[in-house]
Amino acid sequence: MHEQRIASAKVIPFPVPAGRARRLSARDRIHAASWAVTARQSGFSRVVIHTDLPDDDPELGDFLLIYRDGALWASWAVGCAAHGFTVWRPATGVTVGWFPNLLQALESLPA
C-alpha cells in the first residue's frame, strides 16, 4: 500500500467546548501542588482545587482557594479563564490581575 499526499489539505483546529476552556490541566494541577508545598514558608497553609461539576453554572470554571495559616476563609483565589488565569480576593470580590499561566498567577500573591 502506498501513502497518498494531499497538497491542498487544510488543517483546522479541533473545536473545544466553551466550558472546557476553563479547566485546570494536569500540568496546572501539578504546578499548584508543587507551589502549595513551597508556599507554606510564606504563610499559606493549604490550597484547595475546586472543579466544576456538570450541574454547576457553565460560566464557572475550575479555581483554587488559597488559605493563610489559621484562616477559616480563603485569602486568595485563582480561577481559570478562557485565555489565562485571574487572581481575586474572595473577601471583597476584587480582581487583582490577569495572568497568562498559573505559575505567574500564583507568584503574584503577596508573601
N, C-alpha and C. Protein backbone atom coordinates (compact mmCIF):
# COMPACT_ATOMS: atom_id res chain seq x y z
N MET A 1 0.84 -1.18 0.00
CA MET A 1 0.00 0.00 0.00
C MET A 1 0.89 1.24 0.00
N HIS A 2 0.55 2.21 -0.74
CA HIS A 2 1.35 3.44 -0.78
C HIS A 2 0.63 4.58 -0.10
N GLU A 3 1.39 5.55 0.31
CA GLU A 3 0.88 6.69 1.04
C GLU A 3 0.38 7.75 0.07
N GLN A 4 -0.78 8.30 0.32
CA GLN A 4 -1.29 9.39 -0.50
C GLN A 4 -0.98 10.72 0.16
N ARG A 5 -0.58 11.67 -0.61
CA ARG A 5 -0.32 13.01 -0.09
C ARG A 5 -1.29 13.99 -0.75
N ILE A 6 -1.83 14.85 0.06
CA ILE A 6 -2.77 15.85 -0.45
C ILE A 6 -2.14 17.21 -0.24
N ALA A 7 -1.75 17.85 -1.31
CA ALA A 7 -1.07 19.14 -1.23
C ALA A 7 -1.98 20.26 -0.79
N SER A 8 -3.25 20.14 -1.06
CA SER A 8 -4.16 21.23 -0.74
C SER A 8 -4.90 21.03 0.59
N ALA A 9 -4.41 20.15 1.42
CA ALA A 9 -5.08 19.89 2.70
C ALA A 9 -5.01 21.12 3.60
N LYS A 10 -6.07 21.33 4.33
CA LYS A 10 -6.12 22.45 5.26
C LYS A 10 -6.33 21.90 6.66
N VAL A 11 -5.49 22.29 7.59
CA VAL A 11 -5.61 21.85 8.97
C VAL A 11 -6.53 22.82 9.70
N ILE A 12 -7.55 22.27 10.33
CA ILE A 12 -8.46 23.11 11.09
C ILE A 12 -8.33 22.77 12.56
N PRO A 13 -8.46 23.75 13.45
CA PRO A 13 -8.31 23.48 14.88
C PRO A 13 -9.45 22.60 15.39
N PHE A 14 -9.10 21.75 16.33
CA PHE A 14 -10.11 20.90 16.96
C PHE A 14 -10.99 21.78 17.84
N PRO A 15 -12.30 21.71 17.69
CA PRO A 15 -13.17 22.59 18.49
C PRO A 15 -13.15 22.19 19.97
N VAL A 16 -13.07 23.20 20.82
CA VAL A 16 -13.09 22.98 22.26
C VAL A 16 -14.36 23.62 22.80
N PRO A 17 -15.22 22.82 23.45
CA PRO A 17 -16.44 23.43 24.02
C PRO A 17 -16.08 24.55 24.97
N ALA A 18 -16.93 25.56 25.05
CA ALA A 18 -16.65 26.75 25.86
C ALA A 18 -16.28 26.42 27.29
N GLY A 19 -17.00 25.53 27.93
CA GLY A 19 -16.73 25.17 29.32
C GLY A 19 -15.38 24.50 29.53
N ARG A 20 -14.89 23.80 28.53
CA ARG A 20 -13.63 23.08 28.66
C ARG A 20 -12.44 24.05 28.68
N ALA A 21 -12.62 25.24 28.16
CA ALA A 21 -11.52 26.21 28.14
C ALA A 21 -11.20 26.71 29.55
N ARG A 22 -12.10 26.48 30.48
CA ARG A 22 -11.91 26.97 31.84
C ARG A 22 -11.65 25.81 32.80
N ARG A 23 -10.77 24.92 32.40
CA ARG A 23 -10.43 23.76 33.21
C ARG A 23 -8.94 23.77 33.53
N LEU A 24 -8.60 23.30 34.73
CA LEU A 24 -7.19 23.14 35.08
C LEU A 24 -6.66 21.90 34.38
N SER A 25 -5.53 22.05 33.73
CA SER A 25 -4.91 20.90 33.07
C SER A 25 -4.16 20.08 34.12
N ALA A 26 -3.71 18.91 33.72
CA ALA A 26 -2.90 18.08 34.62
C ALA A 26 -1.64 18.85 35.02
N ARG A 27 -1.05 19.56 34.09
CA ARG A 27 0.15 20.36 34.38
C ARG A 27 -0.17 21.46 35.40
N ASP A 28 -1.32 22.13 35.24
CA ASP A 28 -1.72 23.16 36.20
C ASP A 28 -1.87 22.58 37.60
N ARG A 29 -2.45 21.40 37.70
CA ARG A 29 -2.64 20.75 39.00
C ARG A 29 -1.30 20.39 39.64
N ILE A 30 -0.37 19.95 38.83
CA ILE A 30 0.97 19.65 39.35
C ILE A 30 1.65 20.92 39.83
N HIS A 31 1.55 22.00 39.04
CA HIS A 31 2.14 23.28 39.46
C HIS A 31 1.51 23.77 40.77
N ALA A 32 0.19 23.64 40.89
CA ALA A 32 -0.49 24.09 42.11
C ALA A 32 -0.02 23.28 43.32
N ALA A 33 0.11 21.97 43.17
CA ALA A 33 0.55 21.12 44.28
C ALA A 33 1.99 21.44 44.67
N SER A 34 2.84 21.65 43.69
CA SER A 34 4.23 21.99 43.96
C SER A 34 4.34 23.36 44.64
N TRP A 35 3.58 24.33 44.13
CA TRP A 35 3.59 25.67 44.71
C TRP A 35 3.10 25.62 46.15
N ALA A 36 2.07 24.82 46.42
CA ALA A 36 1.50 24.74 47.77
C ALA A 36 2.53 24.28 48.79
N VAL A 37 3.42 23.38 48.40
CA VAL A 37 4.46 22.89 49.32
C VAL A 37 5.42 24.01 49.69
N THR A 38 5.89 24.75 48.70
CA THR A 38 6.84 25.83 48.97
C THR A 38 6.17 27.05 49.58
N ALA A 39 4.87 27.23 49.33
CA ALA A 39 4.15 28.40 49.84
C ALA A 39 3.96 28.33 51.36
N ARG A 40 4.12 27.19 51.92
CA ARG A 40 4.00 27.07 53.38
C ARG A 40 5.02 27.95 54.09
N GLN A 41 6.16 28.14 53.46
CA GLN A 41 7.21 29.01 54.02
C GLN A 41 6.77 30.47 54.04
N SER A 42 5.80 30.81 53.20
CA SER A 42 5.30 32.19 53.12
C SER A 42 4.00 32.40 53.88
N GLY A 43 3.59 31.40 54.67
CA GLY A 43 2.41 31.56 55.49
C GLY A 43 1.11 31.04 54.91
N PHE A 44 1.17 30.33 53.80
CA PHE A 44 -0.03 29.73 53.23
C PHE A 44 -0.14 28.30 53.74
N SER A 45 -1.30 27.95 54.29
CA SER A 45 -1.44 26.63 54.89
C SER A 45 -1.98 25.57 53.95
N ARG A 46 -2.83 25.97 53.00
CA ARG A 46 -3.37 24.96 52.09
C ARG A 46 -3.92 25.59 50.82
N VAL A 47 -4.02 24.74 49.80
CA VAL A 47 -4.60 25.11 48.51
C VAL A 47 -5.65 24.06 48.18
N VAL A 48 -6.86 24.51 47.93
CA VAL A 48 -7.96 23.60 47.60
C VAL A 48 -8.35 23.84 46.15
N ILE A 49 -8.39 22.76 45.37
CA ILE A 49 -8.80 22.86 43.97
C ILE A 49 -10.29 22.57 43.88
N HIS A 50 -11.03 23.49 43.30
CA HIS A 50 -12.46 23.30 43.07
C HIS A 50 -12.66 23.07 41.58
N THR A 51 -13.25 21.94 41.24
CA THR A 51 -13.55 21.61 39.86
C THR A 51 -15.05 21.66 39.69
N ASP A 52 -15.49 22.39 38.67
CA ASP A 52 -16.94 22.49 38.46
C ASP A 52 -17.49 21.14 38.02
N LEU A 53 -18.70 20.90 38.43
CA LEU A 53 -19.39 19.66 38.11
C LEU A 53 -20.40 19.91 37.00
N PRO A 54 -20.87 18.87 36.32
CA PRO A 54 -21.81 19.08 35.21
C PRO A 54 -23.04 19.90 35.58
N ASP A 55 -23.50 19.82 36.83
CA ASP A 55 -24.69 20.56 37.23
C ASP A 55 -24.39 22.00 37.64
N ASP A 56 -23.10 22.36 37.74
CA ASP A 56 -22.72 23.72 38.13
C ASP A 56 -23.00 24.71 36.99
N ASP A 57 -22.89 25.96 37.32
CA ASP A 57 -23.04 27.04 36.34
C ASP A 57 -21.99 26.87 35.25
N PRO A 58 -22.39 26.82 33.97
CA PRO A 58 -21.42 26.62 32.89
C PRO A 58 -20.41 27.77 32.76
N GLU A 59 -20.72 28.93 33.32
CA GLU A 59 -19.79 30.05 33.27
C GLU A 59 -18.69 29.92 34.32
N LEU A 60 -18.90 29.06 35.30
CA LEU A 60 -17.94 28.88 36.38
C LEU A 60 -16.90 27.85 35.97
N GLY A 61 -15.63 28.21 36.02
CA GLY A 61 -14.57 27.28 35.69
C GLY A 61 -13.89 26.77 36.94
N ASP A 62 -12.86 25.98 36.75
CA ASP A 62 -12.07 25.48 37.88
C ASP A 62 -11.37 26.64 38.56
N PHE A 63 -11.16 26.53 39.88
CA PHE A 63 -10.41 27.56 40.58
C PHE A 63 -9.74 26.99 41.81
N LEU A 64 -8.76 27.72 42.32
CA LEU A 64 -8.03 27.37 43.53
C LEU A 64 -8.44 28.32 44.64
N LEU A 65 -8.62 27.78 45.82
CA LEU A 65 -8.82 28.60 47.01
C LEU A 65 -7.56 28.46 47.84
N ILE A 66 -6.97 29.58 48.24
CA ILE A 66 -5.68 29.58 48.93
C ILE A 66 -5.86 30.19 50.31
N TYR A 67 -5.46 29.43 51.33
CA TYR A 67 -5.68 29.81 52.72
C TYR A 67 -4.39 30.19 53.41
N ARG A 68 -4.43 31.25 54.19
CA ARG A 68 -3.31 31.63 55.05
C ARG A 68 -3.36 30.79 56.32
N ASP A 69 -2.24 30.68 57.00
CA ASP A 69 -2.19 29.94 58.27
C ASP A 69 -3.25 30.47 59.22
N GLY A 70 -4.03 29.57 59.78
CA GLY A 70 -5.02 29.93 60.78
C GLY A 70 -6.30 30.54 60.24
N ALA A 71 -6.40 30.77 58.95
CA ALA A 71 -7.59 31.41 58.37
C ALA A 71 -8.70 30.39 58.12
N LEU A 72 -9.93 30.77 58.45
CA LEU A 72 -11.07 29.90 58.19
C LEU A 72 -11.60 30.08 56.77
N TRP A 73 -11.34 31.25 56.18
CA TRP A 73 -11.80 31.56 54.83
C TRP A 73 -10.60 31.74 53.92
N ALA A 74 -10.79 31.47 52.66
CA ALA A 74 -9.71 31.63 51.68
C ALA A 74 -9.28 33.10 51.61
N SER A 75 -7.99 33.30 51.60
CA SER A 75 -7.44 34.65 51.46
C SER A 75 -7.34 35.07 50.00
N TRP A 76 -7.09 34.09 49.13
CA TRP A 76 -6.92 34.35 47.71
C TRP A 76 -7.61 33.27 46.90
N ALA A 77 -7.93 33.60 45.67
CA ALA A 77 -8.49 32.63 44.73
C ALA A 77 -7.85 32.86 43.37
N VAL A 78 -7.62 31.77 42.66
CA VAL A 78 -7.08 31.84 41.31
C VAL A 78 -8.01 31.01 40.43
N GLY A 79 -8.58 31.65 39.42
CA GLY A 79 -9.54 30.96 38.57
C GLY A 79 -9.09 30.85 37.13
N CYS A 80 -9.57 29.80 36.48
CA CYS A 80 -9.30 29.61 35.05
C CYS A 80 -10.22 30.53 34.25
N ALA A 81 -9.64 31.18 33.30
CA ALA A 81 -10.42 31.98 32.37
C ALA A 81 -10.15 31.42 30.97
N ALA A 82 -10.87 31.88 30.00
CA ALA A 82 -10.73 31.34 28.65
C ALA A 82 -9.30 31.50 28.12
N HIS A 83 -8.60 32.57 28.50
CA HIS A 83 -7.27 32.81 27.96
C HIS A 83 -6.23 33.05 29.04
N GLY A 84 -6.37 32.42 30.18
CA GLY A 84 -5.38 32.61 31.24
C GLY A 84 -5.99 32.38 32.61
N PHE A 85 -5.47 33.11 33.58
CA PHE A 85 -5.90 32.94 34.97
C PHE A 85 -6.13 34.30 35.61
N THR A 86 -7.10 34.35 36.48
CA THR A 86 -7.41 35.58 37.20
C THR A 86 -7.20 35.34 38.70
N VAL A 87 -6.68 36.35 39.37
CA VAL A 87 -6.47 36.29 40.82
C VAL A 87 -7.43 37.29 41.45
N TRP A 88 -8.13 36.85 42.50
CA TRP A 88 -9.03 37.77 43.19
C TRP A 88 -9.04 37.49 44.68
N ARG A 89 -9.59 38.47 45.42
CA ARG A 89 -9.74 38.37 46.88
C ARG A 89 -11.16 37.91 47.18
N PRO A 90 -11.35 36.70 47.68
CA PRO A 90 -12.70 36.24 47.98
C PRO A 90 -13.44 37.12 48.98
N ALA A 91 -12.73 37.72 49.92
CA ALA A 91 -13.37 38.55 50.95
C ALA A 91 -14.05 39.78 50.35
N THR A 92 -13.47 40.32 49.28
CA THR A 92 -14.00 41.54 48.68
C THR A 92 -14.54 41.33 47.26
N GLY A 93 -14.12 40.25 46.62
CA GLY A 93 -14.52 40.01 45.23
C GLY A 93 -13.72 40.82 44.23
N VAL A 94 -12.73 41.57 44.69
CA VAL A 94 -11.93 42.43 43.82
C VAL A 94 -10.92 41.59 43.04
N THR A 95 -10.92 41.78 41.72
CA THR A 95 -9.94 41.11 40.87
C THR A 95 -8.61 41.84 40.98
N VAL A 96 -7.57 41.08 41.26
CA VAL A 96 -6.24 41.66 41.45
C VAL A 96 -5.49 41.73 40.13
N GLY A 97 -5.65 40.71 39.27
CA GLY A 97 -4.95 40.73 37.99
C GLY A 97 -5.26 39.51 37.14
N TRP A 98 -4.83 39.61 35.88
CA TRP A 98 -4.96 38.53 34.90
C TRP A 98 -3.57 38.08 34.51
N PHE A 99 -3.38 36.77 34.35
CA PHE A 99 -2.07 36.23 34.05
C PHE A 99 -2.17 35.15 32.98
N PRO A 100 -1.13 35.03 32.14
CA PRO A 100 -1.19 34.07 31.03
C PRO A 100 -1.05 32.61 31.47
N ASN A 101 -0.47 32.37 32.65
CA ASN A 101 -0.34 30.99 33.12
C ASN A 101 -0.48 30.93 34.64
N LEU A 102 -0.68 29.72 35.14
CA LEU A 102 -0.95 29.54 36.56
C LEU A 102 0.24 29.91 37.43
N LEU A 103 1.45 29.59 37.01
CA LEU A 103 2.62 29.92 37.83
C LEU A 103 2.75 31.42 38.05
N GLN A 104 2.54 32.20 37.01
CA GLN A 104 2.61 33.66 37.18
C GLN A 104 1.52 34.16 38.11
N ALA A 105 0.34 33.56 38.01
CA ALA A 105 -0.77 33.96 38.88
C ALA A 105 -0.41 33.66 40.35
N LEU A 106 0.12 32.47 40.60
CA LEU A 106 0.47 32.10 41.97
C LEU A 106 1.63 32.94 42.50
N GLU A 107 2.60 33.24 41.65
CA GLU A 107 3.74 34.04 42.07
C GLU A 107 3.35 35.49 42.35
N SER A 108 2.18 35.93 41.88
CA SER A 108 1.75 37.31 42.14
C SER A 108 1.18 37.49 43.54
N LEU A 109 0.91 36.40 44.23
CA LEU A 109 0.34 36.51 45.58
C LEU A 109 1.39 37.04 46.56
N PRO A 110 1.00 37.98 47.41
CA PRO A 110 1.97 38.53 48.36
C PRO A 110 2.37 37.50 49.41
N ALA A 111 3.62 37.54 49.78
CA ALA A 111 4.14 36.60 50.80
C ALA A 111 3.67 37.00 52.16
